[in-house]
Amino acid sequence: MPKYLLLITTDTSVAASEEDRAAAPDVEAWWRGLNDAGRYVTGDPLVPASQAATVRVRAGKVQRTEGPFAEAGEVIAGLDVIEADSLDQAVQIAAGHPMAWSNAVEVREFAAMPD
């Protein structure tokens, strides 16, 4: 069964309404439902982007920059990996994610790696 990354992002420039926050599903119930259905693989929230490091290797030398890859209002807040039969089903699952109600959830299928 295909695996999908639910990339949880927050955007400091676009605030969710209190109505949306109040209507968001309970995170434990969302997780339990997916886990019980055998579709939840793994996931966790991340520490703030201010505690990140970006690594590049150029001319054989490691370059480390403190902070996220790019300066932006939108940052990665966490991730979940799920199994779904299709992108449409993964989108439906993501729409039930509590963070979709106050932030955003990007859905991407993992590419098959060659054997």
PDB file of N, CA and C in Angstrom:
ATOM      1  N   MET A   1       0.852  -1.174   0.000  1.00  0.00           N
ATOM      2  CA  MET A   1       0.000   0.000   0.000  1.00  0.00           C
ATOM      3  C   MET A   1       0.898   1.238   0.000  1.00  0.00           C
ATOM      4  N   PRO A   2       0.585   2.226  -0.836  1.00  0.00           N
ATOM      5  CA  PRO A   2       1.415   3.432  -0.890  1.00  0.00           C
ATOM      6  C   PRO A   2       1.452   4.175   0.450  1.00  0.00           C
ATOM      7  N   LYS A   3       2.605   4.790   0.716  1.00  0.00           N
ATOM      8  CA  LYS A   3       2.772   5.611   1.919  1.00  0.00           C
ATOM      9  C   LYS A   3       2.760   7.074   1.501  1.00  0.00           C
ATOM     10  N   TYR A   4       2.191   7.898   2.370  1.00  0.00           N
ATOM     11  CA  TYR A   4       2.088   9.328   2.116  1.00  0.00           C
ATOM     12  C   TYR A   4       2.638  10.103   3.303  1.00  0.00           C
ATOM     13  N   LEU A   5       3.334  11.184   2.991  1.00  0.00           N
ATOM     14  CA  LEU A   5       3.825  12.111   4.000  1.00  0.00           C
ATOM     15  C   LEU A   5       2.790  13.207   4.176  1.00  0.00           C
ATOM     16  N   LEU A   6       2.371  13.427   5.404  1.00  0.00           N
ATOM     17  CA  LEU A   6       1.537  14.580   5.726  1.00  0.00           C
ATOM     18  C   LEU A   6       2.471  15.576   6.391  1.00  0.00           C
ATOM     19  N   LEU A   7       2.848  16.589   5.651  1.00  0.00           N
ATOM     20  CA  LEU A   7       3.801  17.588   6.123  1.00  0.00           C
ATOM     21  C   LEU A   7       3.005  18.732   6.738  1.00  0.00           C
ATOM     22  N   ILE A   8       3.112  18.878   8.035  1.00  0.00           N
ATOM     23  CA  ILE A   8       2.347  19.881   8.764  1.00  0.00           C
ATOM     24  C   ILE A   8       3.121  21.196   8.733  1.00  0.00           C
ATOM     25  N   THR A   9       2.485  22.246   8.221  1.00  0.00           N
ATOM     26  CA  THR A   9       3.139  23.545   8.168  1.00  0.00           C
ATOM     27  C   THR A   9       2.302  24.585   8.901  1.00  0.00           C
ATOM     28  N   THR A  10       2.994  25.559   9.451  1.00  0.00           N
ATOM     29  CA  THR A  10       2.324  26.697  10.064  1.00  0.00           C
ATOM     30  C   THR A  10       2.742  27.936   9.302  1.00  0.00           C
ATOM     31  N   ASP A  11       1.838  28.860   9.183  1.00  0.00           N
ATOM     32  CA  ASP A  11       2.104  30.109   8.476  1.00  0.00           C
ATOM     33  C   ASP A  11       1.742  31.248   9.411  1.00  0.00           C
ATOM     34  N   THR A  12       2.751  31.952   9.869  1.00  0.00           N
ATOM     35  CA  THR A  12       2.522  33.021  10.835  1.00  0.00           C
ATOM     36  C   THR A  12       1.785  34.206  10.230  1.00  0.00           C
ATOM     37  N   SER A  13       1.703  34.265   8.896  1.00  0.00           N
ATOM     38  CA  SER A  13       1.036  35.397   8.263  1.00  0.00           C
ATOM     39  C   SER A  13      -0.455  35.140   8.008  1.00  0.00           C
ATOM     40  N   VAL A  14      -0.918  33.897   8.207  1.00  0.00           N
ATOM     41  CA  VAL A  14      -2.318  33.554   7.957  1.00  0.00           C
ATOM     42  C   VAL A  14      -2.880  32.890   9.199  1.00  0.00           C
ATOM     43  N   ALA A  15      -3.612  33.650   9.980  1.00  0.00           N
ATOM     44  CA  ALA A  15      -4.164  33.123  11.225  1.00  0.00           C
ATOM     45  C   ALA A  15      -5.481  32.399  10.977  1.00  0.00           C
ATOM     46  N   ALA A  16      -5.664  31.281  11.670  1.00  0.00           N
ATOM     47  CA  ALA A  16      -6.934  30.556  11.611  1.00  0.00           C
ATOM     48  C   ALA A  16      -7.937  31.249  12.519  1.00  0.00           C
ATOM     49  N   SER A  17      -9.200  31.128  12.160  1.00  0.00           N
ATOM     50  CA  SER A  17     -10.234  31.725  12.988  1.00  0.00           C
ATOM     51  C   SER A  17     -10.449  30.893  14.241  1.00  0.00           C
ATOM     52  N   GLU A  18     -10.987  31.507  15.259  1.00  0.00           N
ATOM     53  CA  GLU A  18     -11.320  30.786  16.482  1.00  0.00           C
ATOM     54  C   GLU A  18     -12.352  29.704  16.196  1.00  0.00           C
ATOM     55  N   GLU A  19     -13.257  29.961  15.240  1.00  0.00           N
ATOM     56  CA  GLU A  19     -14.259  28.958  14.846  1.00  0.00           C
ATOM     57  C   GLU A  19     -13.581  27.698  14.323  1.00  0.00           C
ATOM     58  N   ASP A  20     -12.604  27.877  13.435  1.00  0.00           N
ATOM     59  CA  ASP A  20     -11.895  26.730  12.877  1.00  0.00           C
ATOM     60  C   ASP A  20     -11.128  25.981  13.961  1.00  0.00           C
ATOM     61  N   ARG A  21     -10.465  26.720  14.832  1.00  0.00           N
ATOM     62  CA  ARG A  21      -9.716  26.072  15.912  1.00  0.00           C
ATOM     63  C   ARG A  21     -10.649  25.267  16.809  1.00  0.00           C
ATOM     64  N   ALA A  22     -11.805  25.827  17.117  1.00  0.00           N
ATOM     65  CA  ALA A  22     -12.767  25.141  17.980  1.00  0.00           C
ATOM     66  C   ALA A  22     -13.370  23.913  17.303  1.00  0.00           C
ATOM     67  N   ALA A  23     -13.515  23.951  15.976  1.00  0.00           N
ATOM     68  CA  ALA A  23     -14.137  22.844  15.239  1.00  0.00           C
ATOM     69  C   ALA A  23     -13.155  21.729  14.896  1.00  0.00           C
ATOM     70  N   ALA A  24     -11.874  21.953  15.124  1.00  0.00           N
ATOM     71  CA  ALA A  24     -10.856  20.962  14.761  1.00  0.00           C
ATOM     72  C   ALA A  24     -11.077  19.657  15.521  1.00  0.00           C
ATOM     73  N   PRO A  25     -10.871  18.526  14.846  1.00  0.00           N
ATOM     74  CA  PRO A  25     -11.002  17.232  15.512  1.00  0.00           C
ATOM     75  C   PRO A  25      -9.958  17.079  16.622  1.00  0.00           C
ATOM     76  N   ASP A  26     -10.234  16.219  17.564  1.00  0.00           N
ATOM     77  CA  ASP A  26      -9.296  15.907  18.633  1.00  0.00           C
ATOM     78  C   ASP A  26      -8.133  15.106  18.058  1.00  0.00           C
ATOM     79  N   VAL A  27      -6.907  15.496  18.356  1.00  0.00           N
ATOM     80  CA  VAL A  27      -5.729  14.843  17.774  1.00  0.00           C
ATOM     81  C   VAL A  27      -5.629  13.385  18.210  1.00  0.00           C
ATOM     82  N   GLU A  28      -5.955  13.082  19.454  1.00  0.00           N
ATOM     83  CA  GLU A  28      -5.891  11.692  19.923  1.00  0.00           C
ATOM     84  C   GLU A  28      -6.911  10.822  19.196  1.00  0.00           C
ATOM     85  N   ALA A  29      -8.106  11.352  18.984  1.00  0.00           N
ATOM     86  CA  ALA A  29      -9.146  10.592  18.276  1.00  0.00           C
ATOM     87  C   ALA A  29      -8.749  10.373  16.822  1.00  0.00           C
ATOM     88  N   TRP A  30      -8.161  11.399  16.189  1.00  0.00           N
ATOM     89  CA  TRP A  30      -7.712  11.274  14.795  1.00  0.00           C
ATOM     90  C   TRP A  30      -6.656  10.182  14.695  1.00  0.00           C
ATOM     91  N   TRP A  31      -5.655  10.251  15.573  1.00  0.00           N
ATOM     92  CA  TRP A  31      -4.581   9.268  15.567  1.00  0.00           C
ATOM     93  C   TRP A  31      -5.118   7.869  15.852  1.00  0.00           C
ATOM     94  N   ARG A  32      -5.955   7.728  16.871  1.00  0.00           N
ATOM     95  CA  ARG A  32      -6.493   6.418  17.246  1.00  0.00           C
ATOM     96  C   ARG A  32      -7.272   5.792  16.093  1.00  0.00           C
ATOM     97  N   GLY A  33      -8.073   6.602  15.386  1.00  0.00           N
ATOM     98  CA  GLY A  33      -8.835   6.099  14.249  1.00  0.00           C
ATOM     99  C   GLY A  33      -7.943   5.555  13.150  1.00  0.00           C
ATOM    100  N   LEU A  34      -6.887   6.287  12.816  1.00  0.00           N
ATOM    101  CA  LEU A  34      -5.946   5.818  11.787  1.00  0.00           C
ATOM    102  C   LEU A  34      -5.168   4.602  12.252  1.00  0.00           C
ATOM    103  N   ASN A  35      -4.748   4.627  13.505  1.00  0.00           N
ATOM    104  CA  ASN A  35      -3.986   3.506  14.049  1.00  0.00           C
ATOM    105  C   ASN A  35      -4.839   2.240  14.067  1.00  0.00           C
ATOM    106  N   ASP A  36      -6.075   2.360  14.528  1.00  0.00           N
ATOM    107  CA  ASP A  36      -6.979   1.207  14.572  1.00  0.00           C
ATOM    108  C   ASP A  36      -7.276   0.663  13.172  1.00  0.00           C
ATOM    109  N   ALA A  37      -7.270   1.532  12.161  1.00  0.00           N
ATOM    110  CA  ALA A  37      -7.515   1.109  10.780  1.00  0.00           C
ATOM    111  C   ALA A  37      -6.252   0.556  10.110  1.00  0.00           C
ATOM    112  N   GLY A  38      -5.119   0.580  10.835  1.00  0.00           N
ATOM    113  CA  GLY A  38      -3.869   0.082  10.279  1.00  0.00           C
ATOM    114  C   GLY A  38      -3.256   1.001   9.239  1.00  0.00           C
ATOM    115  N   ARG A  39      -3.580   2.286   9.270  1.00  0.00           N
ATOM    116  CA  ARG A  39      -3.086   3.223   8.257  1.00  0.00           C
ATOM    117  C   ARG A  39      -2.025   4.191   8.790  1.00  0.00           C
ATOM    118  N   TYR A  40      -1.823   4.225  10.105  1.00  0.00           N
ATOM    119  CA  TYR A  40      -0.851   5.142  10.680  1.00  0.00           C
ATOM    120  C   TYR A  40       0.507   4.459  10.747  1.00  0.00           C
ATOM    121  N   VAL A  41       1.555   5.102  10.233  1.00  0.00           N
ATOM    122  CA  VAL A  41       2.899   4.541  10.241  1.00  0.00           C
ATOM    123  C   VAL A  41       3.729   5.184  11.340  1.00  0.00           C
ATOM    124  N   THR A  42       3.859   6.510  11.315  1.00  0.00           N
ATOM    125  CA  THR A  42       4.641   7.227  12.318  1.00  0.00           C
ATOM    126  C   THR A  42       4.366   8.715  12.209  1.00  0.00           C
ATOM    127  N   GLY A  43       4.826   9.467  13.178  1.00  0.00           N
ATOM    128  CA  GLY A  43       4.709  10.910  13.117  1.00  0.00           C
ATOM    129  C   GLY A  43       5.066  11.554  14.437  1.00  0.00           C
ATOM    130  N   ASP A  44       5.443  12.809  14.374  1.00  0.00           N
ATOM    131  CA  ASP A  44       5.785  13.583  15.559  1.00  0.00           C
ATOM    132  C   ASP A  44       5.803  15.061  15.215  1.00  0.00           C
ATOM    133  N   PRO A  45       5.547  15.898  16.212  1.00  0.00           N
ATOM    134  CA  PRO A  45       5.763  17.332  16.007  1.00  0.00           C
ATOM    135  C   PRO A  45       7.267  17.612  16.032  1.00  0.00           C
ATOM    136  N   LEU A  46       7.653  18.766  15.549  1.00  0.00           N
ATOM    137  CA  LEU A  46       9.055  19.173  15.531  1.00  0.00           C
ATOM    138  C   LEU A  46       9.276  20.336  16.489  1.00  0.00           C
ATOM    139  N   VAL A  47      10.512  20.498  16.948  1.00  0.00           N
ATOM    140  CA  VAL A  47      10.857  21.677  17.747  1.00  0.00           C
ATOM    141  C   VAL A  47      10.768  22.896  16.831  1.00  0.00           C
ATOM    142  N   PRO A  48      10.717  24.103  17.373  1.00  0.00           N
ATOM    143  CA  PRO A  48      10.612  25.304  16.533  1.00  0.00           C
ATOM    144  C   PRO A  48      11.757  25.424  15.518  1.00  0.00           C
ATOM    145  N   ALA A  49      11.450  26.049  14.386  1.00  0.00           N
ATOM    146  CA  ALA A  49      12.439  26.233  13.316  1.00  0.00           C
ATOM    147  C   ALA A  49      13.666  27.001  13.800  1.00  0.00           C
ATOM    148  N   SER A  50      13.499  27.814  14.828  1.00  0.00           N
ATOM    149  CA  SER A  50      14.642  28.568  15.354  1.00  0.00           C
ATOM    150  C   SER A  50      15.713  27.646  15.936  1.00  0.00           C
ATOM    151  N   GLN A  51      15.353  26.388  16.208  1.00  0.00           N
ATOM    152  CA  GLN A  51      16.304  25.422  16.751  1.00  0.00           C
ATOM    153  C   GLN A  51      16.840  24.483  15.671  1.00  0.00           C
ATOM    154  N   ALA A  52      16.558  24.787  14.410  1.00  0.00           N
ATOM    155  CA  ALA A  52      16.991  23.939  13.294  1.00  0.00           C
ATOM    156  C   ALA A  52      18.381  24.321  12.820  1.00  0.00           C
ATOM    157  N   ALA A  53      18.962  23.449  12.022  1.00  0.00           N
ATOM    158  CA  ALA A  53      20.213  23.726  11.322  1.00  0.00           C
ATOM    159  C   ALA A  53      20.029  23.249   9.886  1.00  0.00           C
ATOM    160  N   THR A  54      20.576  24.005   8.950  1.00  0.00           N
ATOM    161  CA  THR A  54      20.542  23.620   7.545  1.00  0.00           C
ATOM    162  C   THR A  54      21.958  23.231   7.135  1.00  0.00           C
ATOM    163  N   VAL A  55      22.089  22.086   6.459  1.00  0.00           N
ATOM    164  CA  VAL A  55      23.406  21.562   6.090  1.00  0.00           C
ATOM    165  C   VAL A  55      23.519  21.477   4.574  1.00  0.00           C
ATOM    166  N   ARG A  56      24.627  21.960   4.064  1.00  0.00           N
ATOM    167  CA  ARG A  56      24.969  21.839   2.651  1.00  0.00           C
ATOM    168  C   ARG A  56      26.421  21.380   2.579  1.00  0.00           C
ATOM    169  N   VAL A  57      26.766  20.640   1.542  1.00  0.00           N
ATOM    170  CA  VAL A  57      28.162  20.289   1.303  1.00  0.00           C
ATOM    171  C   VAL A  57      28.536  20.909  -0.034  1.00  0.00           C
ATOM    172  N   ARG A  58      29.525  21.760  -0.013  1.00  0.00           N
ATOM    173  CA  ARG A  58      30.012  22.448  -1.203  1.00  0.00           C
ATOM    174  C   ARG A  58      31.521  22.280  -1.270  1.00  0.00           C
ATOM    175  N   ALA A  59      31.997  21.851  -2.426  1.00  0.00           N
ATOM    176  CA  ALA A  59      33.429  21.628  -2.635  1.00  0.00           C
ATOM    177  C   ALA A  59      34.000  20.727  -1.539  1.00  0.00           C
ATOM    178  N   GLY A  60      33.202  19.755  -1.121  1.00  0.00           N
ATOM    179  CA  GLY A  60      33.650  18.793  -0.124  1.00  0.00           C
ATOM    180  C   GLY A  60      33.650  19.301   1.302  1.00  0.00           C
ATOM    181  N   LYS A  61      33.198  20.528   1.524  1.00  0.00           N
ATOM    182  CA  LYS A  61      33.192  21.100   2.877  1.00  0.00           C
ATOM    183  C   LYS A  61      31.759  21.245   3.373  1.00  0.00           C
ATOM    184  N   VAL A  62      31.562  20.897   4.637  1.00  0.00           N
ATOM    185  CA  VAL A  62      30.249  21.004   5.263  1.00  0.00           C
ATOM    186  C   VAL A  62      29.988  22.455   5.647  1.00  0.00           C
ATOM    187  N   GLN A  63      28.856  22.960   5.208  1.00  0.00           N
ATOM    188  CA  GLN A  63      28.417  24.304   5.577  1.00  0.00           C
ATOM    189  C   GLN A  63      27.166  24.158   6.432  1.00  0.00           C
ATOM    190  N   ARG A  64      27.201  24.694   7.617  1.00  0.00           N
ATOM    191  CA  ARG A  64      26.063  24.623   8.527  1.00  0.00           C
ATOM    192  C   ARG A  64      25.544  26.026   8.779  1.00  0.00           C
ATOM    193  N   THR A  65      24.240  26.180   8.602  1.00  0.00           N
ATOM    194  CA  THR A  65      23.574  27.444   8.879  1.00  0.00           C
ATOM    195  C   THR A  65      22.551  27.201   9.973  1.00  0.00           C
ATOM    196  N   GLU A  66      22.545  28.035  10.973  1.00  0.00           N
ATOM    197  CA  GLU A  66      21.555  27.887  12.039  1.00  0.00           C
ATOM    198  C   GLU A  66      20.207  28.371  11.538  1.00  0.00           C
ATOM    199  N   GLY A  67      19.164  27.641  11.870  1.00  0.00           N
ATOM    200  CA  GLY A  67      17.813  28.029  11.481  1.00  0.00           C
ATOM    201  C   GLY A  67      17.326  27.253  10.281  1.00  0.00           C
ATOM    202  N   PRO A  68      16.116  27.588   9.836  1.00  0.00           N
ATOM    203  CA  PRO A  68      15.502  26.855   8.720  1.00  0.00           C
ATOM    204  C   PRO A  68      16.175  27.163   7.397  1.00  0.00           C
ATOM    205  N   PHE A  69      15.821  26.381   6.368  1.00  0.00           N
ATOM    206  CA  PHE A  69      16.389  26.505   5.030  1.00  0.00           C
ATOM    207  C   PHE A  69      16.178  27.895   4.451  1.00  0.00           C
ATOM    208  N   ALA A  70      14.982  28.441   4.629  1.00  0.00           N
ATOM    209  CA  ALA A  70      14.663  29.742   4.038  1.00  0.00           C
ATOM    210  C   ALA A  70      13.917  30.598   5.042  1.00  0.00           C
ATOM    211  N   GLU A  71      14.084  31.890   4.911  1.00  0.00           N
ATOM    212  CA  GLU A  71      13.302  32.814   5.719  1.00  0.00           C
ATOM    213  C   GLU A  71      11.915  32.893   5.119  1.00  0.00           C
ATOM    214  N   ALA A  72      10.937  32.489   5.873  1.00  0.00           N
ATOM    215  CA  ALA A  72       9.566  32.505   5.369  1.00  0.00           C
ATOM    216  C   ALA A  72       8.613  32.520   6.540  1.00  0.00           C
ATOM    217  N   GLY A  73       7.392  32.943   6.288  1.00  0.00           N
ATOM    218  CA  GLY A  73       6.370  32.903   7.325  1.00  0.00           C
ATOM    219  C   GLY A  73       5.903  31.481   7.576  1.00  0.00           C
ATOM    220  N   GLU A  74       6.053  30.616   6.581  1.00  0.00           N
ATOM    221  CA  GLU A  74       5.589  29.237   6.702  1.00  0.00           C
ATOM    222  C   GLU A  74       6.758  28.336   7.072  1.00  0.00           C
ATOM    223  N   VAL A  75       6.573  27.541   8.124  1.00  0.00           N
ATOM    224  CA  VAL A  75       7.617  26.615   8.554  1.00  0.00           C
ATOM    225  C   VAL A  75       7.013  25.229   8.795  1.00  0.00           C
ATOM    226  N   ILE A  76       7.857  24.215   8.739  1.00  0.00           N
ATOM    227  CA  ILE A  76       7.429  22.849   8.997  1.00  0.00           C
ATOM    228  C   ILE A  76       7.287  22.673  10.506  1.00  0.00           C
ATOM    229  N   ALA A  77       6.129  22.187  10.938  1.00  0.00           N
ATOM    230  CA  ALA A  77       5.858  22.015  12.358  1.00  0.00           C
ATOM    231  C   ALA A  77       5.869  20.554  12.788  1.00  0.00           C
ATOM    232  N   GLY A  78       5.685  19.644  11.844  1.00  0.00           N
ATOM    233  CA  GLY A  78       5.660  18.230  12.177  1.00  0.00           C
ATOM    234  C   GLY A  78       5.356  17.406  10.955  1.00  0.00           C
ATOM    235  N   LEU A  79       5.261  16.102  11.150  1.00  0.00           N
ATOM    236  CA  LEU A  79       4.957  15.224  10.026  1.00  0.00           C
ATOM    237  C   LEU A  79       4.264  13.971  10.537  1.00  0.00           C
ATOM    238  N   ASP A  80       3.510  13.380   9.646  1.00  0.00           N
ATOM    239  CA  ASP A  80       2.905  12.083   9.875  1.00  0.00           C
ATOM    240  C   ASP A  80       3.098  11.272   8.603  1.00  0.00           C
ATOM    241  N   VAL A  81       3.287   9.988   8.742  1.00  0.00           N
ATOM    242  CA  VAL A  81       3.359   9.079   7.606  1.00  0.00           C
ATOM    243  C   VAL A  81       2.183   8.124   7.735  1.00  0.00           C
ATOM    244  N   ILE A  82       1.415   8.042   6.666  1.00  0.00           N
ATOM    245  CA  ILE A  82       0.235   7.185   6.652  1.00  0.00           C
ATOM    246  C   ILE A  82       0.283   6.266   5.449  1.00  0.00           C
ATOM    247  N   GLU A  83      -0.574   5.264   5.450  1.00  0.00           N
ATOM    248  CA  GLU A  83      -0.779   4.433   4.280  1.00  0.00           C
ATOM    249  C   GLU A  83      -2.185   4.700   3.765  1.00  0.00           C
ATOM    250  N   ALA A  84      -2.311   4.829   2.454  1.00  0.00           N
ATOM    251  CA  ALA A  84      -3.611   5.078   1.831  1.00  0.00           C
ATOM    252  C   ALA A  84      -3.628   4.403   0.472  1.00  0.00           C
ATOM    253  N   ASP A  85      -4.823   4.113  -0.008  1.00  0.00           N
ATOM    254  CA  ASP A  85      -4.971   3.449  -1.298  1.00  0.00           C
ATOM    255  C   ASP A  85      -4.715   4.380  -2.477  1.00  0.00           C
ATOM    256  N   SER A  86      -4.873   5.703  -2.255  1.00  0.00           N
ATOM    257  CA  SER A  86      -4.722   6.672  -3.336  1.00  0.00           C
ATOM    258  C   SER A  86      -4.453   8.053  -2.748  1.00  0.00           C
ATOM    259  N   LEU A  87      -4.048   8.972  -3.625  1.00  0.00           N
ATOM    260  CA  LEU A  87      -3.859  10.351  -3.188  1.00  0.00           C
ATOM    261  C   LEU A  87      -5.180  10.925  -2.683  1.00  0.00           C
ATOM    262  N   ASP A  88      -6.277  10.613  -3.353  1.00  0.00           N
ATOM    263  CA  ASP A  88      -7.573  11.117  -2.908  1.00  0.00           C
ATOM    264  C   ASP A  88      -7.888  10.661  -1.491  1.00  0.00           C
ATOM    265  N   GLN A  89      -7.608   9.400  -1.179  1.00  0.00           N
ATOM    266  CA  GLN A  89      -7.866   8.908   0.170  1.00  0.00           C
ATOM    267  C   GLN A  89      -6.925   9.577   1.171  1.00  0.00           C
ATOM    268  N   ALA A  90      -5.671   9.782   0.794  1.00  0.00           N
ATOM    269  CA  ALA A  90      -4.716  10.459   1.670  1.00  0.00           C
ATOM    270  C   ALA A  90      -5.159  11.897   1.940  1.00  0.00           C
ATOM    271  N   VAL A  91      -5.698  12.561   0.924  1.00  0.00           N
ATOM    272  CA  VAL A  91      -6.211  13.926   1.108  1.00  0.00           C
ATOM    273  C   VAL A  91      -7.395  13.924   2.076  1.00  0.00           C
ATOM    274  N   GLN A  92      -8.267  12.938   1.961  1.00  0.00           N
ATOM    275  CA  GLN A  92      -9.396  12.835   2.897  1.00  0.00           C
ATOM    276  C   GLN A  92      -8.890  12.648   4.329  1.00  0.00           C
ATOM    277  N   ILE A  93      -7.885  11.812   4.496  1.00  0.00           N
ATOM    278  CA  ILE A  93      -7.308  11.603   5.827  1.00  0.00           C
ATOM    279  C   ILE A  93      -6.691  12.896   6.333  1.00  0.00           C
ATOM    280  N   ALA A  94      -5.956  13.593   5.469  1.00  0.00           N
ATOM    281  CA  ALA A  94      -5.323  14.860   5.859  1.00  0.00           C
ATOM    282  C   ALA A  94      -6.357  15.910   6.238  1.00  0.00           C
ATOM    283  N   ALA A  95      -7.501  15.902   5.569  1.00  0.00           N
ATOM    284  CA  ALA A  95      -8.556  16.872   5.880  1.00  0.00           C
ATOM    285  C   ALA A  95      -9.099  16.665   7.290  1.00  0.00           C
ATOM    286  N   GLY A  96      -8.963  15.452   7.814  1.00  0.00           N
ATOM    287  CA  GLY A  96      -9.385  15.184   9.179  1.00  0.00           C
ATOM    288  C   GLY A  96      -8.316  15.460  10.214  1.00  0.00           C
ATOM    289  N   HIS A  97      -7.103  15.787   9.760  1.00  0.00           N
ATOM    290  CA  HIS A  97      -6.003  16.075  10.692  1.00  0.00           C
ATOM    291  C   HIS A  97      -6.313  17.385  11.417  1.00  0.00           C
ATOM    292  N   PRO A  98      -6.222  17.400  12.734  1.00  0.00           N
ATOM    293  CA  PRO A  98      -6.530  18.620  13.486  1.00  0.00           C
ATOM    294  C   PRO A  98      -5.733  19.841  13.038  1.00  0.00           C
ATOM    295  N   MET A  99      -4.490  19.652  12.591  1.00  0.00           N
ATOM    296  CA  MET A  99      -3.670  20.791  12.168  1.00  0.00           C
ATOM    297  C   MET A  99      -4.154  21.400  10.854  1.00  0.00           C
ATOM    298  N   ALA A 100      -4.921  20.654  10.058  1.00  0.00           N
ATOM    299  CA  ALA A 100      -5.454  21.207   8.808  1.00  0.00           C
ATOM    300  C   ALA A 100      -6.469  22.308   9.092  1.00  0.00           C
ATOM    301  N   TRP A 101      -7.025  22.316  10.281  1.00  0.00           N
ATOM    302  CA  TRP A 101      -8.058  23.287  10.635  1.00  0.00           C
ATOM    303  C   TRP A 101      -7.472  24.632  11.072  1.00  0.00           C
ATOM    304  N   SER A 102      -6.200  24.654  11.441  1.00  0.00           N
ATOM    305  CA  SER A 102      -5.610  25.920  11.867  1.00  0.00           C
ATOM    306  C   SER A 102      -4.299  26.222  11.149  1.00  0.00           C
ATOM    307  N   ASN A 103      -3.768  25.258  10.407  1.00  0.00           N
ATOM    308  CA  ASN A 103      -2.526  25.435   9.679  1.00  0.00           C
ATOM    309  C   ASN A 103      -2.699  24.847   8.283  1.00  0.00           C
ATOM    310  N   ALA A 104      -1.755  24.063   7.814  1.00  0.00           N
ATOM    311  CA  ALA A 104      -1.871  23.417   6.505  1.00  0.00           C
ATOM    312  C   ALA A 104      -1.195  22.055   6.560  1.00  0.00           C
ATOM    313  N   VAL A 105      -1.674  21.142   5.725  1.00  0.00           N
ATOM    314  CA  VAL A 105      -1.100  19.810   5.630  1.00  0.00           C
ATOM    315  C   VAL A 105      -0.824  19.527   4.158  1.00  0.00           C
ATOM    316  N   GLU A 106       0.445  19.408   3.815  1.00  0.00           N
ATOM    317  CA  GLU A 106       0.828  19.038   2.451  1.00  0.00           C
ATOM    318  C   GLU A 106       0.878  17.514   2.370  1.00  0.00           C
ATOM    319  N   VAL A 107       0.283  16.954   1.327  1.00  0.00           N
ATOM    320  CA  VAL A 107       0.214  15.498   1.166  1.00  0.00           C
ATOM    321  C   VAL A 107       1.086  15.099  -0.012  1.00  0.00           C
ATOM    322  N   ARG A 108       2.067  14.211   0.247  1.00  0.00           N
ATOM    323  CA  ARG A 108       2.957  13.759  -0.826  1.00  0.00           C
ATOM    324  C   ARG A 108       3.205  12.269  -0.693  1.00  0.00           C
ATOM    325  N   GLU A 109       3.094  11.574  -1.811  1.00  0.00           N
ATOM    326  CA  GLU A 109       3.369  10.138  -1.833  1.00  0.00           C
ATOM    327  C   GLU A 109       4.878   9.915  -1.860  1.00  0.00           C
ATOM    328  N   PHE A 110       5.315   8.903  -1.144  1.00  0.00           N
ATOM    329  CA  PHE A 110       6.730   8.530  -1.199  1.00  0.00           C
ATOM    330  C   PHE A 110       7.005   7.886  -2.550  1.00  0.00           C
ATOM    331  N   ALA A 111       8.111   8.250  -3.169  1.00  0.00           N
ATOM    332  CA  ALA A 111       8.515   7.659  -4.439  1.00  0.00           C
ATOM    333  C   ALA A 111       9.090   6.271  -4.186  1.00  0.00           C
ATOM    334  N   ALA A 112       8.853   5.372  -5.099  1.00  0.00           N
ATOM    335  CA  ALA A 112       9.391   4.027  -4.988  1.00  0.00           C
ATOM    336  C   ALA A 112      10.901   4.067  -5.221  1.00  0.00           C
ATOM    337  N   MET A 113      11.626   3.425  -4.363  1.00  0.00           N
ATOM    338  CA  MET A 113      13.079   3.354  -4.522  1.00  0.00           C
ATOM    339  C   MET A 113      13.419   2.117  -5.327  1.00  0.00           C
ATOM    340  N   PRO A 114      14.427   2.214  -6.214  1.00  0.00           N
ATOM    341  CA  PRO A 114      14.820   1.040  -6.998  1.00  0.00           C
ATOM    342  C   PRO A 114      15.409  -0.031  -6.094  1.00  0.00           C
ATOM    343  N   ASP A 115      15.191  -1.277  -6.464  1.00  0.00           N
ATOM    344  CA  ASP A 115      15.744  -2.390  -5.674  1.00  0.00           C
ATOM    345  C   ASP A 115      17.219  -2.532  -5.867  1.00  0.00           C
TER     346      ASP A 115
END
